[in-house]
Amino acid sequence: MLGAMSDCFRYRFRVRYQECDAQKIVFNARWGDYIDIAATELVRAAMGHPEATDWRLVRQLIEWKASARFDEVLEARVTTARLGGTSVTVATAFHRVADDALLATAETVYVMTDPEGRKRPITDEERKLLSPGATVALVDCSGSPQQ
């Protein structure tokens, strides 16, 4: 999984109040939202538009290491872990920016689909743009000064 690597796509965001549960930590289901947003931003950075490719989630494994709380700035570190014939495996590691603590890791498998929702092969262009390390960037939506 990803650690402190800087050779990956990074997406920073701030935890919003409504994403927290009665325990005052990020609700477990919200991490799936965070993964989806980070993957969408990876596609935007790699291909210029979030709808440049269509994929469907087929598997997602999340492991929690520590909690995140309201108003903390988190960084999703995202990379392509594997490119198959029709599927893309995306690895995501969430870190708290303030102390670089690892909060959660995820492995998500998407299958490429055509406009009718049928599975299709990954194109050569998609393979090039989504290959591991192809998109190295930081998108900061946290509203914080750059660190």
Foldseek 3Di string as FASTA:
>chain_A
DDAPDLLFEKEKAFAAQVQADPVQWGDPVCVVVVVVVSVLVLCCQLPVHSVPFDWDWDDKDKDFDATHGHGFMKMWGKAFPDFDFFKTKMKIWIAGVVVRDTTMIMIIMIGTADPVRHGDTQDPSNCQSRPGSNGRDYHYPHPDPDD
